Protein backbone atom coordinates (compact mmCIF):
# COMPACT_ATOMS: atom_id res chain seq x y z
CA MET A 1 211.00 21.11 246.02
CA THR A 2 213.49 19.60 243.58
CA GLU A 3 211.09 17.94 241.16
CA ILE A 4 208.67 19.93 239.03
CA PRO A 5 205.15 18.82 239.98
CA ILE A 6 202.82 17.81 237.16
CA LEU A 7 199.14 18.64 237.49
CA HIS A 8 196.76 16.31 235.69
CA GLU A 9 193.76 18.59 235.12
CA ASP A 10 190.82 19.91 233.17
CA PRO A 11 191.30 23.72 233.22
CA ARG A 12 187.53 24.27 233.50
CA SER A 13 187.56 22.67 236.95
CA GLY A 14 187.71 24.84 240.04
CA ASN A 15 189.32 21.98 241.93
CA CYS A 16 192.17 22.01 239.42
CA TYR A 17 192.33 25.81 239.43
CA LYS A 18 192.82 26.03 243.19
CA ILE A 19 196.03 24.00 242.90
CA LYS A 20 197.33 26.26 240.12
CA LEU A 21 196.43 29.33 242.17
CA VAL A 22 198.32 28.02 245.22
CA ALA A 23 201.35 27.34 243.02
CA ALA A 24 201.15 30.81 241.47
CA LEU A 25 200.87 32.57 244.83
CA LEU A 26 203.90 30.65 246.09
CA ASP A 27 205.87 30.98 242.84
CA ILE A 28 206.02 27.21 242.37
CA ARG A 29 206.46 26.00 238.82
CA LEU A 30 203.86 23.48 237.65
CA GLU A 31 203.61 21.47 234.48
CA THR A 32 200.17 20.36 233.34
CA ARG A 33 198.62 17.44 231.53
CA GLN A 34 195.11 18.22 230.35
CA TYR A 35 192.09 15.95 230.03
CA ASP A 36 188.55 16.59 228.82
CA ILE A 37 186.19 15.25 231.47
CA MET A 38 183.23 15.85 229.14
CA ARG A 39 184.70 13.25 226.80
CA GLY A 40 185.43 10.81 229.59
CA GLU A 41 189.20 10.99 229.19
CA THR A 42 189.81 10.36 232.90
CA ARG A 43 187.93 7.07 232.55
CA ALA A 44 190.31 5.79 229.90
CA ARG A 45 192.16 2.59 230.73
CA GLU A 46 195.59 4.27 230.64
CA PHE A 47 194.53 7.04 233.03
CA LEU A 48 192.98 4.58 235.46
CA ALA A 49 196.07 2.39 235.40
CA GLN A 50 198.73 5.09 235.56
CA VAL A 51 197.28 8.23 237.17
CA ASN A 52 194.23 7.62 239.36
CA SER A 53 192.25 4.40 239.61
CA ASN A 54 189.34 6.50 240.91
CA GLY A 55 189.05 8.14 237.48
CA ARG A 56 189.04 11.69 238.80
CA ILE A 57 191.10 14.83 238.52
CA PRO A 58 192.96 16.80 239.73
CA VAL A 59 195.96 14.63 240.46
CA LEU A 60 199.33 16.10 241.44
CA GLN A 61 202.21 13.97 240.17
CA LEU A 62 205.47 14.14 242.09
CA GLY A 63 208.01 12.03 240.29
CA ASN A 64 206.50 8.55 240.26
CA ARG A 65 204.03 9.36 243.06
CA PHE A 66 200.46 10.53 242.44
CA LEU A 67 198.41 12.61 244.88
CA PRO A 68 194.65 12.85 244.11
CA GLU A 69 192.19 15.20 245.85
CA SER A 70 192.52 18.94 245.32
CA ASN A 71 192.86 20.03 248.92
CA ALA A 72 195.48 17.39 249.66
CA ALA A 73 197.47 18.67 246.68
CA CYS A 74 197.08 22.25 247.89
CA TRP A 75 198.28 21.27 251.36
CA TYR A 76 201.32 19.51 249.91
CA LEU A 77 202.34 22.56 247.87
CA ALA A 78 201.65 25.07 250.64
CA SER A 79 203.14 23.14 253.57
CA GLY A 80 205.77 25.31 255.23
CA SER A 81 204.49 28.51 253.60
CA ALA A 82 202.42 31.39 254.99
CA LEU A 83 199.30 29.81 253.49
CA VAL A 84 199.42 27.17 256.24
CA PRO A 85 199.48 28.77 259.70
CA ASP A 86 202.09 27.68 262.23
CA GLU A 87 199.76 27.72 265.22
CA ARG A 88 198.04 24.41 265.92
CA PHE A 89 194.45 25.65 266.26
CA ALA A 90 194.80 27.85 263.18
CA GLN A 91 195.98 24.84 261.19
CA ALA A 92 192.93 22.88 262.33
CA ASP A 93 190.68 25.85 261.52
CA THR A 94 192.18 26.00 258.03
CA LEU A 95 191.33 22.33 257.57
CA ARG A 96 187.84 22.95 258.96
CA TRP A 97 187.10 25.40 256.13
CA MET A 98 188.70 23.13 253.55
CA PHE A 99 186.44 20.28 254.71
CA PHE A 100 183.45 22.66 254.62
CA GLU A 101 184.37 23.52 251.03
CA GLN A 102 184.37 19.89 249.95
CA TYR A 103 181.30 18.75 251.92
CA ASN A 104 178.95 21.76 251.95
CA HIS A 105 180.11 24.18 249.27
CA GLU A 106 181.54 22.31 246.29
CA PRO A 107 178.87 19.56 246.00
CA ASN A 108 176.23 22.24 245.51
CA ILE A 109 177.78 25.33 243.95
CA ALA A 110 180.27 23.50 241.74
CA THR A 111 177.77 20.84 240.72
CA LEU A 112 175.16 23.39 239.59
CA ARG A 113 177.86 25.30 237.69
CA PHE A 114 178.87 22.11 235.89
CA TRP A 115 175.31 21.07 235.14
CA LEU A 116 174.08 24.45 233.94
CA ARG A 117 177.16 25.79 232.13
CA PHE A 118 178.79 22.70 230.68
CA VAL A 119 176.10 20.00 230.48
CA GLY A 120 173.08 22.23 229.91
CA GLU A 121 169.78 21.87 231.73
CA ALA A 122 168.11 20.34 228.68
CA HIS A 123 170.62 17.48 228.78
CA LEU A 124 170.29 16.69 232.48
CA THR A 125 168.67 13.48 233.62
CA GLU A 126 165.34 13.61 235.38
CA GLN A 127 167.12 12.72 238.62
CA GLN A 128 169.61 15.58 238.20
CA ARG A 129 166.87 18.11 237.46
CA ALA A 130 165.03 16.96 240.59
CA GLN A 131 168.14 17.70 242.66
CA ILE A 132 168.51 21.31 241.50
CA PRO A 133 166.20 22.97 244.11
CA ALA A 134 167.90 21.22 247.05
CA LYS A 135 171.35 22.01 245.71
CA ARG A 136 170.31 25.63 245.18
CA ILE A 137 169.20 25.92 248.82
CA ALA A 138 172.32 24.20 250.15
CA GLY A 139 174.58 26.39 248.00
CA GLU A 140 172.85 29.56 249.20
CA ASP A 141 173.24 28.34 252.78
CA ALA A 142 176.98 27.88 252.24
CA LEU A 143 177.32 31.38 250.77
CA ALA A 144 175.26 32.86 253.61
CA LEU A 145 177.51 31.22 256.17
CA MET A 146 180.57 32.66 254.43
CA GLU A 147 178.89 36.08 254.25
CA ALA A 148 178.22 36.14 257.99
CA HIS A 149 181.76 34.99 258.74
CA LEU A 150 183.46 37.51 256.43
CA LYS A 151 181.54 40.53 257.71
CA SER A 152 183.98 40.84 260.61
CA ARG A 153 187.27 39.76 259.00
CA GLY A 154 189.25 40.20 255.81
CA PHE A 155 189.94 36.53 255.22
CA MET A 156 188.51 33.26 256.51
CA LEU A 157 190.97 33.04 259.41
CA GLY A 158 191.31 36.76 260.05
CA SER A 159 193.71 39.27 258.55
CA THR A 160 195.89 37.00 256.39
CA VAL A 161 195.13 34.68 253.51
CA THR A 162 195.39 30.91 254.02
CA LEU A 163 194.48 27.75 252.17
CA ALA A 164 191.01 28.15 253.65
CA ASP A 165 190.53 31.15 251.36
CA ILE A 166 192.05 29.58 248.28
CA SER A 167 189.98 26.41 248.55
CA LEU A 168 186.74 28.39 248.90
CA PHE A 169 187.62 31.04 246.32
CA ALA A 170 187.88 28.62 243.40
CA TYR A 171 184.17 27.89 243.04
CA THR A 172 182.79 30.92 244.92
CA HIS A 173 184.07 33.45 242.39
CA VAL A 174 182.33 31.60 239.54
CA ALA A 175 179.17 30.77 241.51
CA GLU A 176 177.06 32.96 239.22
CA GLU A 177 177.71 30.43 236.45
CA GLY A 178 175.61 28.07 238.54
CA GLY A 179 172.83 30.62 238.97
CA PHE A 180 173.86 32.04 242.35
CA GLY A 181 173.56 35.80 242.78
CA LEU A 182 176.77 36.99 244.40
CA GLU A 183 175.41 40.52 244.64
CA ASN A 184 173.40 39.25 247.61
CA TYR A 185 176.65 38.63 249.48
CA PRO A 186 178.61 41.91 249.67
CA ALA A 187 181.16 40.67 252.21
CA VAL A 188 181.88 37.68 249.98
CA CYS A 189 182.25 39.99 246.98
CA ALA A 190 184.72 42.20 248.88
CA TRP A 191 186.66 39.07 249.90
CA ILE A 192 186.79 37.93 246.25
CA LYS A 193 188.35 41.28 245.31
CA ARG A 194 190.95 40.90 248.06
CA ILE A 195 191.92 37.46 246.78
CA MET A 196 192.19 38.75 243.21
CA ALA A 197 194.49 41.57 244.41
CA LEU A 198 197.04 39.17 245.94
CA PRO A 199 200.54 39.28 244.43
CA GLY A 200 200.93 36.41 242.01
CA PHE A 201 197.20 35.90 241.50
CA ILE A 202 196.22 34.15 238.28
CA ALA A 203 192.74 34.04 236.79
CA MET A 204 190.87 30.85 236.03
CA GLU A 205 191.18 29.79 232.39
C-alpha cells in the first residue's frame, strides 16, 4: 500500500473505530479527518460534494478515490492479511458475520448507544422512544446468538481472529452504553478480553 489512507471519521463511532482497529492490528498507517456528526458536519455541502454524497461516515480515502461503508473499508485494508481467510467458505463465513453485524447487531445496539449516550432519552422524538423496546429485544437477540456461538470457540470463525471478530467487537464492547448488560453473556465477555489482548490492539477514543 503505497499511499497513506485517510479516514474521514467521528471518533465516537464504532463503525469508524473498527477501521482504525484493523489498521492498528495490521500496522497500517492511517491519517484521519474528523467530523462532528452531532453538529451535522457530514451534511455540509463540501462534504457531500467531495467525500460522500450519502452524507455518512466513515469514508476511507485512497488518493482521489473514496470508499464509504465501514466493512468495505475494513475488507480493503485487510485483504491479503490473516484477518481474511484464504479458504473460500471461510471467506464467505467472514462476510456472513459482517453482514449480520450491519443488519442485526449495529442497527439495534449501536443505535441505542447513540440515542442514550449522545442524544439523551429526553431529547429523543416520540417515534424514537417508541422504537426502544423493539431495538432492545433485537439487540439482546443478537448478543444471545453471539453468546451461543462463542461458547464452543475462541473467535467467530474458530481459533483465529478475522474481520468477523473486528466488525462485531466495535459496538459489542460498548454495548453497556446502550443499556445492554454484558454480564449476562460470559462467552462474549471472554471473547472481548481476547480481542483486547491482541498485539497492536488500540482502545476506542
